C-alpha atoms as a PDB file:
ATOM      1  CA  MET A   1      16.784 -16.625 -26.450  1.00  0.00           C
ATOM      2  CA  ALA A   2      13.124 -16.133 -26.203  1.00  0.00           C
ATOM      3  CA  PHE A   3      12.623 -17.148 -22.478  1.00  0.00           C
ATOM      4  CA  ARG A   4      13.303 -14.881 -19.534  1.00  0.00           C
ATOM      5  CA  LYS A   5      15.394 -16.149 -16.751  1.00  0.00           C
ATOM      6  CA  MET A   6      13.491 -15.915 -13.317  1.00  0.00           C
ATOM      7  CA  ILE A   7      15.156 -14.028 -10.661  1.00  0.00           C
ATOM      8  CA  ARG A   8      14.683 -14.850  -6.811  1.00  0.00           C
ATOM      9  CA  SER A   9      13.214 -12.215  -4.940  1.00  0.00           C
ATOM     10  CA  GLU A  10      15.573 -10.807  -2.112  1.00  0.00           C
ATOM     11  CA  TYR A  11      12.647 -10.833   0.242  1.00  0.00           C
ATOM     12  CA  PRO A  12       9.586 -12.965   0.443  1.00  0.00           C
ATOM     13  CA  PRO A  13       6.303 -11.199  -0.823  1.00  0.00           C
ATOM     14  CA  ARG A  14       4.297  -9.756   1.889  1.00  0.00           C
ATOM     15  CA  LEU A  15       0.959  -8.333   2.344  1.00  0.00           C
ATOM     16  CA  TRP A  16       0.004  -6.388   5.549  1.00  0.00           C
ATOM     17  CA  ALA A  17      -3.194  -5.010   6.821  1.00  0.00           C
ATOM     18  CA  LEU A  18      -3.019  -2.866   9.919  1.00  0.00           C
ATOM     19  CA  VAL A  19      -6.132  -2.163  12.207  1.00  0.00           C
ATOM     20  CA  GLY A  20      -6.317  -0.106  15.272  1.00  0.00           C
ATOM     21  CA  TYR A  21      -7.835   2.811  16.998  1.00  0.00           C
ATOM     22  CA  PRO A  22      -7.173   6.494  15.649  1.00  0.00           C
ATOM     23  CA  GLY A  23      -3.826   7.639  16.895  1.00  0.00           C
ATOM     24  CA  SER A  24      -2.506   4.240  17.760  1.00  0.00           C
ATOM     25  CA  GLY A  25       0.617   4.417  15.391  1.00  0.00           C
ATOM     26  CA  LYS A  26      -0.688   2.322  12.417  1.00  0.00           C
ATOM     27  CA  SER A  27       0.583   4.771   9.808  1.00  0.00           C
ATOM     28  CA  THR A  28       3.722   5.553  11.545  1.00  0.00           C
ATOM     29  CA  PHE A  29       4.364   1.731  11.750  1.00  0.00           C
ATOM     30  CA  ALA A  30       3.633   1.274   8.009  1.00  0.00           C
ATOM     31  CA  THR A  31       6.062   4.028   7.044  1.00  0.00           C
ATOM     32  CA  GLN A  32       8.830   1.658   8.383  1.00  0.00           C
ATOM     33  CA  MET A  33       8.141  -1.179   6.003  1.00  0.00           C
ATOM     34  CA  ARG A  34      10.586  -1.737   3.107  1.00  0.00           C
ATOM     35  CA  GLY A  35       9.520  -1.453  -0.405  1.00  0.00           C
ATOM     36  CA  LEU A  36       6.485   0.130  -1.854  1.00  0.00           C
ATOM     37  CA  ILE A  37       3.547   1.216   0.115  1.00  0.00           C
ATOM     38  CA  LEU A  38      -0.106   1.329  -1.131  1.00  0.00           C
ATOM     39  CA  ALA A  39      -1.953   3.427   1.569  1.00  0.00           C
ATOM     40  CA  VAL A  40      -5.621   2.783   1.715  1.00  0.00           C
ATOM     41  CA  ASP A  41      -6.162   6.140   3.673  1.00  0.00           C
ATOM     42  CA  ALA A  42      -9.543   5.879   5.331  1.00  0.00           C
ATOM     43  CA  ASP A  43      -8.957   8.744   7.661  1.00  0.00           C
ATOM     44  CA  HIS A  44      -7.191  11.012   5.176  1.00  0.00           C
ATOM     45  CA  ARG A  45      -4.039  11.341   7.513  1.00  0.00           C
ATOM     46  CA  PHE A  46      -1.400   9.302   5.907  1.00  0.00           C
ATOM     47  CA  SER A  47       0.181  12.487   4.653  1.00  0.00           C
ATOM     48  CA  GLU A  48       1.008  13.525   8.243  1.00  0.00           C
ATOM     49  CA  VAL A  49       3.657  10.656   8.299  1.00  0.00           C
ATOM     50  CA  LEU A  50       4.589  10.593   4.535  1.00  0.00           C
ATOM     51  CA  ASP A  51       7.949  12.123   5.294  1.00  0.00           C
ATOM     52  CA  LEU A  52       8.840   9.053   7.398  1.00  0.00           C
ATOM     53  CA  ALA A  53       8.418   6.612   4.713  1.00  0.00           C
ATOM     54  CA  GLN A  54      11.676   5.188   3.348  1.00  0.00           C
ATOM     55  CA  GLY A  55      10.337   4.174  -0.017  1.00  0.00           C
ATOM     56  CA  ASP A  56       7.660   5.117  -2.456  1.00  0.00           C
ATOM     57  CA  VAL A  57       4.066   5.470  -1.261  1.00  0.00           C
ATOM     58  CA  TYR A  58       1.084   5.246  -3.442  1.00  0.00           C
ATOM     59  CA  ALA A  59      -2.498   6.320  -2.760  1.00  0.00           C
ATOM     60  CA  LEU A  60      -5.344   3.863  -3.524  1.00  0.00           C
ATOM     61  CA  SER A  61      -7.467   6.748  -4.952  1.00  0.00           C
ATOM     62  CA  GLU A  62      -7.730  10.514  -4.865  1.00  0.00           C
ATOM     63  CA  THR A  63     -11.500  10.138  -4.206  1.00  0.00           C
ATOM     64  CA  ALA A  64     -11.984  10.104  -0.403  1.00  0.00           C
ATOM     65  CA  SER A  65     -14.937   7.703  -0.467  1.00  0.00           C
ATOM     66  CA  ASP A  66     -12.921   5.135  -2.428  1.00  0.00           C
ATOM     67  CA  ASN A  67     -10.776   4.605   0.624  1.00  0.00           C
ATOM     68  CA  THR A  68     -13.744   3.766   3.024  1.00  0.00           C
ATOM     69  CA  ASP A  69     -15.872   1.532   0.916  1.00  0.00           C
ATOM     70  CA  PRO A  70     -14.679  -2.195   1.131  1.00  0.00           C
ATOM     71  CA  ASP A  71     -16.352  -3.117  -2.243  1.00  0.00           C
ATOM     72  CA  ARG A  72     -14.784  -0.176  -3.982  1.00  0.00           C
ATOM     73  CA  ILE A  73     -11.337  -0.860  -2.460  1.00  0.00           C
ATOM     74  CA  ALA A  74     -11.634  -4.533  -3.690  1.00  0.00           C
ATOM     75  CA  ALA A  75     -12.469  -3.306  -7.143  1.00  0.00           C
ATOM     76  CA  ILE A  76      -9.620  -0.718  -7.366  1.00  0.00           C
ATOM     77  CA  LEU A  77      -7.181  -3.398  -6.126  1.00  0.00           C
ATOM     78  CA  ALA A  78      -8.390  -5.898  -8.594  1.00  0.00           C
ATOM     79  CA  ALA A  79      -8.176  -3.412 -11.509  1.00  0.00           C
ATOM     80  CA  ASN A  80      -4.793  -2.047 -10.646  1.00  0.00           C
ATOM     81  CA  MET A  81      -2.607  -4.506  -8.742  1.00  0.00           C
ATOM     82  CA  PRO A  82      -1.702  -6.894 -11.634  1.00  0.00           C
ATOM     83  CA  ALA A  83       1.795  -5.900 -12.965  1.00  0.00           C
ATOM     84  CA  SER A  84       1.706  -2.723 -10.641  1.00  0.00           C
ATOM     85  CA  GLY A  85       4.873  -3.496  -8.758  1.00  0.00           C
ATOM     86  CA  VAL A  86       3.085  -2.996  -5.532  1.00  0.00           C
END
């Protein structure tokens, strides 16, 4: 059969954005989320809590400035999100 059966997701799709002061626990909280994490690491400190993550964590970009420029973040997301599994 040429058609693919659709499978219901176990969990509803969720997109989260965390905003707060430095040191307030945003990254630590994010590591407790289920599923894949795409870290937009503006302060370059997510690696400090990486061992706490239960699932896979992906970096937006290895280029530091890509993580702080909203236009660049949007462009990277638009180019890489479709079919990424994130």
